[in-house]
Amino acid sequence: MSQSDEIWRKLTAAARQAPPRGDDTAPFGFAGRVAARAFGGRRSGGAMIERLALRALSVAGLAAILALVTHLSVPASNASDDESLFTLEDPAAIVLGVTGDE
């Protein structure tokens, strides 16, 4: 017999001689405590990322509303200026205010 078989035999013999444990039911209120701990208390790092994402979403929403209000409050420019954006060859120069004469 190998040494591990001998150790296994001694352990099983000792386990057979151990007294019975009795009732293995959970104590009164155990399920309630487990549920309270699961749904209450502090949360881990996932909640922090969720709060940060919600704040970023609210800031982006406020920026969008501000841009919309600003766009609607500025009076419409002359129609010829709007058409010049599409008729000239370089719209980027118009936006930047650069003329081709320089």
PDB file of N, CA and C in Angstrom:
ATOM      1  N   MET A   1       0.825  -1.172   0.000  1.00  0.00           N
ATOM      2  CA  MET A   1       0.000   0.000   0.000  1.00  0.00           C
ATOM      3  C   MET A   1       0.880   1.250   0.000  1.00  0.00           C
ATOM      4  N   SER A   2       0.459   2.241  -0.797  1.00  0.00           N
ATOM      5  CA  SER A   2       1.245   3.469  -0.844  1.00  0.00           C
ATOM      6  C   SER A   2       0.908   4.352   0.360  1.00  0.00           C
ATOM      7  N   GLN A   3       1.705   5.361   0.533  1.00  0.00           N
ATOM      8  CA  GLN A   3       1.523   6.244   1.683  1.00  0.00           C
ATOM      9  C   GLN A   3       0.203   7.014   1.585  1.00  0.00           C
ATOM     10  N   SER A   4      -0.162   7.437   0.386  1.00  0.00           N
ATOM     11  CA  SER A   4      -1.420   8.180   0.238  1.00  0.00           C
ATOM     12  C   SER A   4      -2.629   7.288   0.525  1.00  0.00           C
ATOM     13  N   ASP A   5      -2.554   6.001   0.162  1.00  0.00           N
ATOM     14  CA  ASP A   5      -3.650   5.083   0.482  1.00  0.00           C
ATOM     15  C   ASP A   5      -3.788   4.902   1.985  1.00  0.00           C
ATOM     16  N   GLU A   6      -2.674   4.829   2.674  1.00  0.00           N
ATOM     17  CA  GLU A   6      -2.698   4.675   4.141  1.00  0.00           C
ATOM     18  C   GLU A   6      -3.300   5.916   4.803  1.00  0.00           C
ATOM     19  N   ILE A   7      -2.912   7.080   4.318  1.00  0.00           N
ATOM     20  CA  ILE A   7      -3.465   8.323   4.875  1.00  0.00           C
ATOM     21  C   ILE A   7      -4.965   8.386   4.613  1.00  0.00           C
ATOM     22  N   TRP A   8      -5.391   8.017   3.402  1.00  0.00           N
ATOM     23  CA  TRP A   8      -6.805   8.031   3.058  1.00  0.00           C
ATOM     24  C   TRP A   8      -7.593   7.068   3.948  1.00  0.00           C
ATOM     25  N   ARG A   9      -7.047   5.906   4.239  1.00  0.00           N
ATOM     26  CA  ARG A   9      -7.715   4.926   5.081  1.00  0.00           C
ATOM     27  C   ARG A   9      -7.875   5.457   6.501  1.00  0.00           C
ATOM     28  N   LYS A  10      -6.847   6.111   7.033  1.00  0.00           N
ATOM     29  CA  LYS A  10      -6.929   6.674   8.390  1.00  0.00           C
ATOM     30  C   LYS A  10      -7.978   7.793   8.449  1.00  0.00           C
ATOM     31  N   LEU A  11      -7.999   8.639   7.432  1.00  0.00           N
ATOM     32  CA  LEU A  11      -8.967   9.739   7.416  1.00  0.00           C
ATOM     33  C   LEU A  11     -10.407   9.231   7.332  1.00  0.00           C
ATOM     34  N   THR A  12     -10.666   8.241   6.518  1.00  0.00           N
ATOM     35  CA  THR A  12     -12.028   7.711   6.402  1.00  0.00           C
ATOM     36  C   THR A  12     -12.451   7.003   7.683  1.00  0.00           C
ATOM     37  N   ALA A  13     -11.514   6.326   8.334  1.00  0.00           N
ATOM     38  CA  ALA A  13     -11.846   5.668   9.610  1.00  0.00           C
ATOM     39  C   ALA A  13     -12.179   6.713  10.666  1.00  0.00           C
ATOM     40  N   ALA A  14     -11.428   7.807  10.703  1.00  0.00           N
ATOM     41  CA  ALA A  14     -11.707   8.865  11.671  1.00  0.00           C
ATOM     42  C   ALA A  14     -13.043   9.534  11.373  1.00  0.00           C
ATOM     43  N   ALA A  15     -13.381   9.706  10.091  1.00  0.00           N
ATOM     44  CA  ALA A  15     -14.649  10.327   9.722  1.00  0.00           C
ATOM     45  C   ALA A  15     -15.827   9.442  10.115  1.00  0.00           C
ATOM     46  N   ARG A  16     -15.656   8.128  10.056  1.00  0.00           N
ATOM     47  CA  ARG A  16     -16.742   7.219  10.441  1.00  0.00           C
ATOM     48  C   ARG A  16     -16.993   7.260  11.946  1.00  0.00           C
ATOM     49  N   GLN A  17     -15.983   7.566  12.728  1.00  0.00           N
ATOM     50  CA  GLN A  17     -16.125   7.575  14.187  1.00  0.00           C
ATOM     51  C   GLN A  17     -16.622   8.925  14.714  1.00  0.00           C
ATOM     52  N   ALA A  18     -16.692   9.941  13.871  1.00  0.00           N
ATOM     53  CA  ALA A  18     -17.143  11.261  14.325  1.00  0.00           C
ATOM     54  C   ALA A  18     -18.618  11.210  14.695  1.00  0.00           C
ATOM     55  N   PRO A  19     -19.015  11.954  15.736  1.00  0.00           N
ATOM     56  CA  PRO A  19     -20.432  11.952  16.136  1.00  0.00           C
ATOM     57  C   PRO A  19     -21.272  12.690  15.088  1.00  0.00           C
ATOM     58  N   PRO A  20     -22.563  12.328  14.985  1.00  0.00           N
ATOM     59  CA  PRO A  20     -23.428  13.031  14.028  1.00  0.00           C
ATOM     60  C   PRO A  20     -23.595  14.497  14.424  1.00  0.00           C
ATOM     61  N   ARG A  21     -23.758  15.361  13.418  1.00  0.00           N
ATOM     62  CA  ARG A  21     -23.814  16.809  13.653  1.00  0.00           C
ATOM     63  C   ARG A  21     -25.175  17.287  14.113  1.00  0.00           C
ATOM     64  N   GLY A  22     -26.201  16.617  13.803  1.00  0.00           N
ATOM     65  CA  GLY A  22     -27.532  17.073  14.198  1.00  0.00           C
ATOM     66  C   GLY A  22     -28.217  17.794  13.045  1.00  0.00           C
ATOM     67  N   ASP A  23     -28.969  18.858  13.373  1.00  0.00           N
ATOM     68  CA  ASP A  23     -29.770  19.583  12.389  1.00  0.00           C
ATOM     69  C   ASP A  23     -28.890  20.529  11.570  1.00  0.00           C
ATOM     70  N   ASP A  24     -28.983  20.426  10.235  1.00  0.00           N
ATOM     71  CA  ASP A  24     -28.183  21.262   9.347  1.00  0.00           C
ATOM     72  C   ASP A  24     -28.996  22.386   8.718  1.00  0.00           C
ATOM     73  N   THR A  25     -30.103  22.761   9.314  1.00  0.00           N
ATOM     74  CA  THR A  25     -30.914  23.832   8.747  1.00  0.00           C
ATOM     75  C   THR A  25     -30.295  25.185   9.076  1.00  0.00           C
ATOM     76  N   ALA A  26     -30.624  26.173   8.267  1.00  0.00           N
ATOM     77  CA  ALA A  26     -30.123  27.533   8.479  1.00  0.00           C
ATOM     78  C   ALA A  26     -30.820  28.148   9.692  1.00  0.00           C
ATOM     79  N   PRO A  27     -30.157  29.050  10.406  1.00  0.00           N
ATOM     80  CA  PRO A  27     -30.795  29.689  11.560  1.00  0.00           C
ATOM     81  C   PRO A  27     -31.949  30.593  11.133  1.00  0.00           C
ATOM     82  N   PHE A  28     -32.785  30.931  12.100  1.00  0.00           N
ATOM     83  CA  PHE A  28     -33.954  31.756  11.833  1.00  0.00           C
ATOM     84  C   PHE A  28     -33.520  33.118  11.305  1.00  0.00           C
ATOM     85  N   GLY A  29     -34.125  33.574  10.192  1.00  0.00           N
ATOM     86  CA  GLY A  29     -33.833  34.886   9.624  1.00  0.00           C
ATOM     87  C   GLY A  29     -32.624  34.924   8.708  1.00  0.00           C
ATOM     88  N   PHE A  30     -32.023  33.785   8.460  1.00  0.00           N
ATOM     89  CA  PHE A  30     -30.817  33.752   7.635  1.00  0.00           C
ATOM     90  C   PHE A  30     -31.100  34.232   6.206  1.00  0.00           C
ATOM     91  N   ALA A  31     -32.180  33.758   5.611  1.00  0.00           N
ATOM     92  CA  ALA A  31     -32.524  34.151   4.237  1.00  0.00           C
ATOM     93  C   ALA A  31     -32.807  35.647   4.152  1.00  0.00           C
ATOM     94  N   GLY A  32     -33.438  36.197   5.158  1.00  0.00           N
ATOM     95  CA  GLY A  32     -33.716  37.639   5.176  1.00  0.00           C
ATOM     96  C   GLY A  32     -32.440  38.460   5.262  1.00  0.00           C
ATOM     97  N   ARG A  33     -31.487  38.008   6.080  1.00  0.00           N
ATOM     98  CA  ARG A  33     -30.211  38.731   6.187  1.00  0.00           C
ATOM     99  C   ARG A  33     -29.429  38.678   4.888  1.00  0.00           C
ATOM    100  N   VAL A  34     -29.446  37.512   4.237  1.00  0.00           N
ATOM    101  CA  VAL A  34     -28.737  37.377   2.964  1.00  0.00           C
ATOM    102  C   VAL A  34     -29.350  38.289   1.913  1.00  0.00           C
ATOM    103  N   ALA A  35     -30.680  38.337   1.841  1.00  0.00           N
ATOM    104  CA  ALA A  35     -31.353  39.196   0.867  1.00  0.00           C
ATOM    105  C   ALA A  35     -31.104  40.673   1.174  1.00  0.00           C
ATOM    106  N   ALA A  36     -31.097  41.041   2.459  1.00  0.00           N
ATOM    107  CA  ALA A  36     -30.850  42.432   2.824  1.00  0.00           C
ATOM    108  C   ALA A  36     -29.438  42.859   2.452  1.00  0.00           C
ATOM    109  N   ARG A  37     -28.469  41.987   2.644  1.00  0.00           N
ATOM    110  CA  ARG A  37     -27.102  42.319   2.251  1.00  0.00           C
ATOM    111  C   ARG A  37     -26.946  42.397   0.740  1.00  0.00           C
ATOM    112  N   ALA A  38     -27.688  41.585   0.029  1.00  0.00           N
ATOM    113  CA  ALA A  38     -27.574  41.574  -1.432  1.00  0.00           C
ATOM    114  C   ALA A  38     -28.138  42.854  -2.038  1.00  0.00           C
ATOM    115  N   PHE A  39     -29.251  43.355  -1.496  1.00  0.00           N
ATOM    116  CA  PHE A  39     -29.919  44.510  -2.088  1.00  0.00           C
ATOM    117  C   PHE A  39     -29.612  45.823  -1.392  1.00  0.00           C
ATOM    118  N   GLY A  40     -28.913  45.818  -0.320  1.00  0.00           N
ATOM    119  CA  GLY A  40     -28.643  47.047   0.402  1.00  0.00           C
ATOM    120  C   GLY A  40     -27.157  47.304   0.526  1.00  0.00           C
ATOM    121  N   GLY A  41     -26.842  48.378   1.203  1.00  0.00           N
ATOM    122  CA  GLY A  41     -25.447  48.693   1.467  1.00  0.00           C
ATOM    123  C   GLY A  41     -24.736  49.326   0.288  1.00  0.00           C
ATOM    124  N   ARG A  42     -23.431  49.449   0.426  1.00  0.00           N
ATOM    125  CA  ARG A  42     -22.617  50.070  -0.613  1.00  0.00           C
ATOM    126  C   ARG A  42     -22.443  49.132  -1.789  1.00  0.00           C
ATOM    127  N   ARG A  43     -22.328  49.726  -2.957  1.00  0.00           N
ATOM    128  CA  ARG A  43     -22.102  48.942  -4.158  1.00  0.00           C
ATOM    129  C   ARG A  43     -20.646  49.050  -4.554  1.00  0.00           C
ATOM    130  N   SER A  44     -20.249  48.174  -5.438  1.00  0.00           N
ATOM    131  CA  SER A  44     -18.851  48.149  -5.855  1.00  0.00           C
ATOM    132  C   SER A  44     -18.581  49.190  -6.933  1.00  0.00           C
ATOM    133  N   GLY A  45     -17.448  49.079  -7.622  1.00  0.00           N
ATOM    134  CA  GLY A  45     -17.005  50.061  -8.598  1.00  0.00           C
ATOM    135  C   GLY A  45     -17.925  50.236  -9.786  1.00  0.00           C
ATOM    136  N   GLY A  46     -18.770  49.279 -10.088  1.00  0.00           N
ATOM    137  CA  GLY A  46     -19.680  49.408 -11.209  1.00  0.00           C
ATOM    138  C   GLY A  46     -20.632  50.571 -11.043  1.00  0.00           C
ATOM    139  N   ALA A  47     -21.070  50.833  -9.836  1.00  0.00           N
ATOM    140  CA  ALA A  47     -21.995  51.930  -9.593  1.00  0.00           C
ATOM    141  C   ALA A  47     -21.316  53.270  -9.832  1.00  0.00           C
ATOM    142  N   MET A  48     -20.028  53.367  -9.529  1.00  0.00           N
ATOM    143  CA  MET A  48     -19.308  54.620  -9.742  1.00  0.00           C
ATOM    144  C   MET A  48     -19.236  54.939 -11.231  1.00  0.00           C
ATOM    145  N   ILE A  49     -18.979  53.940 -12.047  1.00  0.00           N
ATOM    146  CA  ILE A  49     -18.915  54.150 -13.492  1.00  0.00           C
ATOM    147  C   ILE A  49     -20.293  54.533 -14.018  1.00  0.00           C
ATOM    148  N   GLU A  50     -21.330  53.917 -13.479  1.00  0.00           N
ATOM    149  CA  GLU A  50     -22.684  54.253 -13.905  1.00  0.00           C
ATOM    150  C   GLU A  50     -23.027  55.699 -13.557  1.00  0.00           C
ATOM    151  N   ARG A  51     -22.652  56.165 -12.365  1.00  0.00           N
ATOM    152  CA  ARG A  51     -22.916  57.549 -11.991  1.00  0.00           C
ATOM    153  C   ARG A  51     -22.138  58.511 -12.882  1.00  0.00           C
ATOM    154  N   LEU A  52     -20.888  58.174 -13.187  1.00  0.00           N
ATOM    155  CA  LEU A  52     -20.081  59.025 -14.055  1.00  0.00           C
ATOM    156  C   LEU A  52     -20.677  59.087 -15.459  1.00  0.00           C
ATOM    157  N   ALA A  53     -21.143  57.967 -15.973  1.00  0.00           N
ATOM    158  CA  ALA A  53     -21.762  57.943 -17.301  1.00  0.00           C
ATOM    159  C   ALA A  53     -23.059  58.753 -17.307  1.00  0.00           C
ATOM    160  N   LEU A  54     -23.830  58.672 -16.249  1.00  0.00           N
ATOM    161  CA  LEU A  54     -25.071  59.435 -16.177  1.00  0.00           C
ATOM    162  C   LEU A  54     -24.786  60.930 -16.128  1.00  0.00           C
ATOM    163  N   ARG A  55     -23.764  61.330 -15.391  1.00  0.00           N
ATOM    164  CA  ARG A  55     -23.388  62.749 -15.350  1.00  0.00           C
ATOM    165  C   ARG A  55     -22.903  63.219 -16.717  1.00  0.00           C
ATOM    166  N   ALA A  56     -22.106  62.404 -17.389  1.00  0.00           N
ATOM    167  CA  ALA A  56     -21.621  62.778 -18.719  1.00  0.00           C
ATOM    168  C   ALA A  56     -22.788  62.903 -19.695  1.00  0.00           C
ATOM    169  N   LEU A  57     -23.759  62.015 -19.591  1.00  0.00           N
ATOM    170  CA  LEU A  57     -24.937  62.086 -20.451  1.00  0.00           C
ATOM    171  C   LEU A  57     -25.733  63.353 -20.179  1.00  0.00           C
ATOM    172  N   SER A  58     -25.873  63.729 -18.927  1.00  0.00           N
ATOM    173  CA  SER A  58     -26.616  64.949 -18.607  1.00  0.00           C
ATOM    174  C   SER A  58     -25.881  66.189 -19.089  1.00  0.00           C
ATOM    175  N   VAL A  59     -24.560  66.220 -18.981  1.00  0.00           N
ATOM    176  CA  VAL A  59     -23.778  67.352 -19.488  1.00  0.00           C
ATOM    177  C   VAL A  59     -23.907  67.444 -21.005  1.00  0.00           C
ATOM    178  N   ALA A  60     -23.855  66.315 -21.698  1.00  0.00           N
ATOM    179  CA  ALA A  60     -24.010  66.315 -23.150  1.00  0.00           C
ATOM    180  C   ALA A  60     -25.410  66.776 -23.543  1.00  0.00           C
ATOM    181  N   GLY A  61     -26.413  66.378 -22.804  1.00  0.00           N
ATOM    182  CA  GLY A  61     -27.773  66.819 -23.083  1.00  0.00           C
ATOM    183  C   GLY A  61     -27.941  68.316 -22.886  1.00  0.00           C
ATOM    184  N   LEU A  62     -27.351  68.841 -21.809  1.00  0.00           N
ATOM    185  CA  LEU A  62     -27.422  70.281 -21.584  1.00  0.00           C
ATOM    186  C   LEU A  62     -26.685  71.049 -22.675  1.00  0.00           C
ATOM    187  N   ALA A  63     -25.549  70.527 -23.131  1.00  0.00           N
ATOM    188  CA  ALA A  63     -24.813  71.174 -24.224  1.00  0.00           C
ATOM    189  C   ALA A  63     -25.625  71.166 -25.509  1.00  0.00           C
ATOM    190  N   ALA A  64     -26.342  70.080 -25.772  1.00  0.00           N
ATOM    191  CA  ALA A  64     -27.181  70.008 -26.964  1.00  0.00           C
ATOM    192  C   ALA A  64     -28.340  71.000 -26.883  1.00  0.00           C
ATOM    193  N   ILE A  65     -28.952  71.112 -25.718  1.00  0.00           N
ATOM    194  CA  ILE A  65     -30.051  72.059 -25.546  1.00  0.00           C
ATOM    195  C   ILE A  65     -29.540  73.492 -25.688  1.00  0.00           C
ATOM    196  N   LEU A  66     -28.381  73.784 -25.118  1.00  0.00           N
ATOM    197  CA  LEU A  66     -27.788  75.110 -25.243  1.00  0.00           C
ATOM    198  C   LEU A  66     -27.477  75.436 -26.700  1.00  0.00           C
ATOM    199  N   ALA A  67     -26.949  74.480 -27.447  1.00  0.00           N
ATOM    200  CA  ALA A  67     -26.659  74.705 -28.862  1.00  0.00           C
ATOM    201  C   ALA A  67     -27.942  74.943 -29.647  1.00  0.00           C
ATOM    202  N   LEU A  68     -28.996  74.206 -29.328  1.00  0.00           N
ATOM    203  CA  LEU A  68     -30.265  74.388 -30.022  1.00  0.00           C
ATOM    204  C   LEU A  68     -30.862  75.752 -29.730  1.00  0.00           C
ATOM    205  N   VAL A  69     -30.836  76.166 -28.472  1.00  0.00           N
ATOM    206  CA  VAL A  69     -31.376  77.476 -28.106  1.00  0.00           C
ATOM    207  C   VAL A  69     -30.556  78.579 -28.766  1.00  0.00           C
ATOM    208  N   THR A  70     -29.243  78.441 -28.779  1.00  0.00           N
ATOM    209  CA  THR A  70     -28.390  79.439 -29.415  1.00  0.00           C
ATOM    210  C   THR A  70     -28.674  79.502 -30.908  1.00  0.00           C
ATOM    211  N   HIS A  71     -28.842  78.375 -31.524  1.00  0.00           N
ATOM    212  CA  HIS A  71     -29.117  78.349 -32.965  1.00  0.00           C
ATOM    213  C   HIS A  71     -30.455  79.005 -33.288  1.00  0.00           C
ATOM    214  N   LEU A  72     -31.453  78.755 -32.471  1.00  0.00           N
ATOM    215  CA  LEU A  72     -32.767  79.318 -32.741  1.00  0.00           C
ATOM    216  C   LEU A  72     -32.845  80.794 -32.386  1.00  0.00           C
ATOM    217  N   SER A  73     -32.013  81.277 -31.482  1.00  0.00           N
ATOM    218  CA  SER A  73     -32.090  82.675 -31.069  1.00  0.00           C
ATOM    219  C   SER A  73     -31.296  83.599 -31.986  1.00  0.00           C
ATOM    220  N   VAL A  74     -30.357  83.087 -32.768  1.00  0.00           N
ATOM    221  CA  VAL A  74     -29.573  83.915 -33.677  1.00  0.00           C
ATOM    222  C   VAL A  74     -30.434  84.222 -34.896  1.00  0.00           C
ATOM    223  N   PRO A  75     -30.520  85.496 -35.303  1.00  0.00           N
ATOM    224  CA  PRO A  75     -31.348  85.812 -36.470  1.00  0.00           C
ATOM    225  C   PRO A  75     -30.772  85.192 -37.736  1.00  0.00           C
ATOM    226  N   ALA A  76     -31.648  84.887 -38.662  1.00  0.00           N
ATOM    227  CA  ALA A  76     -31.220  84.274 -39.919  1.00  0.00           C
ATOM    228  C   ALA A  76     -30.397  85.275 -40.718  1.00  0.00           C
ATOM    229  N   SER A  77     -29.339  84.796 -41.323  1.00  0.00           N
ATOM    230  CA  SER A  77     -28.492  85.678 -42.120  1.00  0.00           C
ATOM    231  C   SER A  77     -29.104  85.875 -43.496  1.00  0.00           C
ATOM    232  N   ASN A  78     -28.476  86.710 -44.263  1.00  0.00           N
ATOM    233  CA  ASN A  78     -28.950  87.018 -45.605  1.00  0.00           C
ATOM    234  C   ASN A  78     -28.890  85.765 -46.474  1.00  0.00           C
ATOM    235  N   ALA A  79     -29.878  85.575 -47.335  1.00  0.00           N
ATOM    236  CA  ALA A  79     -29.956  84.374 -48.166  1.00  0.00           C
ATOM    237  C   ALA A  79     -28.786  84.299 -49.127  1.00  0.00           C
ATOM    238  N   SER A  80     -28.280  85.430 -49.580  1.00  0.00           N
ATOM    239  CA  SER A  80     -27.160  85.394 -50.531  1.00  0.00           C
ATOM    240  C   SER A  80     -25.899  84.863 -49.860  1.00  0.00           C
ATOM    241  N   ASP A  81     -25.736  85.126 -48.572  1.00  0.00           N
ATOM    242  CA  ASP A  81     -24.571  84.585 -47.858  1.00  0.00           C
ATOM    243  C   ASP A  81     -24.661  83.063 -47.760  1.00  0.00           C
ATOM    244  N   ASP A  82     -25.868  82.543 -47.515  1.00  0.00           N
ATOM    245  CA  ASP A  82     -26.040  81.098 -47.433  1.00  0.00           C
ATOM    246  C   ASP A  82     -25.774  80.431 -48.779  1.00  0.00           C
ATOM    247  N   GLU A  83     -26.216  81.077 -49.849  1.00  0.00           N
ATOM    248  CA  GLU A  83     -26.001  80.503 -51.174  1.00  0.00           C
ATOM    249  C   GLU A  83     -24.543  80.557 -51.584  1.00  0.00           C
ATOM    250  N   SER A  84     -23.795  81.523 -51.090  1.00  0.00           N
ATOM    251  CA  SER A  84     -22.393  81.645 -51.478  1.00  0.00           C
ATOM    252  C   SER A  84     -21.564  80.464 -50.964  1.00  0.00           C
ATOM    253  N   LEU A  85     -22.036  79.829 -49.924  1.00  0.00           N
ATOM    254  CA  LEU A  85     -21.314  78.662 -49.423  1.00  0.00           C
ATOM    255  C   LEU A  85     -21.304  77.529 -50.439  1.00  0.00           C
ATOM    256  N   PHE A  86     -22.355  77.444 -51.244  1.00  0.00           N
ATOM    257  CA  PHE A  86     -22.474  76.338 -52.179  1.00  0.00           C
ATOM    258  C   PHE A  86     -21.991  76.678 -53.591  1.00  0.00           C
ATOM    259  N   THR A  87     -21.854  77.958 -53.900  1.00  0.00           N
ATOM    260  CA  THR A  87     -21.456  78.329 -55.256  1.00  0.00           C
ATOM    261  C   THR A  87     -19.958  78.516 -55.402  1.00  0.00           C
ATOM    262  N   LEU A  88     -19.264  78.863 -54.369  1.00  0.00           N
ATOM    263  CA  LEU A  88     -17.818  79.069 -54.462  1.00  0.00           C
ATOM    264  C   LEU A  88     -17.090  77.735 -54.381  1.00  0.00           C
ATOM    265  N   GLU A  89     -15.844  77.759 -54.798  1.00  0.00           N
ATOM    266  CA  GLU A  89     -15.086  76.515 -54.879  1.00  0.00           C
ATOM    267  C   GLU A  89     -14.540  76.043 -53.533  1.00  0.00           C
ATOM    268  N   ASP A  90     -14.291  76.958 -52.601  1.00  0.00           N
ATOM    269  CA  ASP A  90     -13.636  76.581 -51.356  1.00  0.00           C
ATOM    270  C   ASP A  90     -14.490  76.987 -50.156  1.00  0.00           C
ATOM    271  N   PRO A  91     -15.386  76.121 -49.690  1.00  0.00           N
ATOM    272  CA  PRO A  91     -16.221  76.480 -48.539  1.00  0.00           C
ATOM    273  C   PRO A  91     -15.412  76.657 -47.257  1.00  0.00           C
ATOM    274  N   ALA A  92     -14.287  75.974 -47.121  1.00  0.00           N
ATOM    275  CA  ALA A  92     -13.472  76.124 -45.913  1.00  0.00           C
ATOM    276  C   ALA A  92     -12.912  77.530 -45.809  1.00  0.00           C
ATOM    277  N   ALA A  93     -12.544  78.118 -46.941  1.00  0.00           N
ATOM    278  CA  ALA A  93     -12.029  79.501 -46.935  1.00  0.00           C
ATOM    279  C   ALA A  93     -13.110  80.477 -46.499  1.00  0.00           C
ATOM    280  N   ILE A  94     -14.360  80.221 -46.875  1.00  0.00           N
ATOM    281  CA  ILE A  94     -15.453  81.095 -46.479  1.00  0.00           C
ATOM    282  C   ILE A  94     -15.672  81.005 -44.975  1.00  0.00           C
ATOM    283  N   VAL A  95     -15.665  79.808 -44.443  1.00  0.00           N
ATOM    284  CA  VAL A  95     -15.883  79.604 -43.022  1.00  0.00           C
ATOM    285  C   VAL A  95     -14.768  80.225 -42.208  1.00  0.00           C
ATOM    286  N   LEU A  96     -13.524  80.079 -42.681  1.00  0.00           N
ATOM    287  CA  LEU A  96     -12.387  80.632 -41.951  1.00  0.00           C
ATOM    288  C   LEU A  96     -12.179  82.106 -42.234  1.00  0.00           C
ATOM    289  N   GLY A  97     -12.865  82.663 -43.221  1.00  0.00           N
ATOM    290  CA  GLY A  97     -12.731  84.076 -43.533  1.00  0.00           C
ATOM    291  C   GLY A  97     -11.466  84.379 -44.325  1.00  0.00           C
ATOM    292  N   VAL A  98     -10.913  83.422 -45.011  1.00  0.00           N
ATOM    293  CA  VAL A  98      -9.697  83.621 -45.797  1.00  0.00           C
ATOM    294  C   VAL A  98     -10.117  83.901 -47.241  1.00  0.00           C
ATOM    295  N   THR A  99      -9.522  84.909 -47.800  1.00  0.00           N
ATOM    296  CA  THR A  99      -9.800  85.208 -49.205  1.00  0.00           C
ATOM    297  C   THR A  99      -8.666  84.693 -50.068  1.00  0.00           C
ATOM    298  N   GLY A 100      -8.922  84.513 -51.320  1.00  0.00           N
ATOM    299  CA  GLY A 100      -7.900  83.996 -52.243  1.00  0.00           C
ATOM    300  C   GLY A 100      -6.916  85.059 -52.697  1.00  0.00           C
ATOM    301  N   ASP A 101      -7.127  86.341 -52.301  1.00  0.00           N
ATOM    302  CA  ASP A 101      -6.275  87.423 -52.750  1.00  0.00           C
ATOM    303  C   ASP A 101      -4.944  87.459 -52.008  1.00  0.00           C
ATOM    304  N   GLU A 102      -4.863  86.877 -50.888  1.00  0.00           N
ATOM    305  CA  GLU A 102      -3.668  86.983 -50.046  1.00  0.00           C
ATOM    306  C   GLU A 102      -2.530  86.132 -50.531  1.00  0.00           C
TER     307      GLU A 102
END
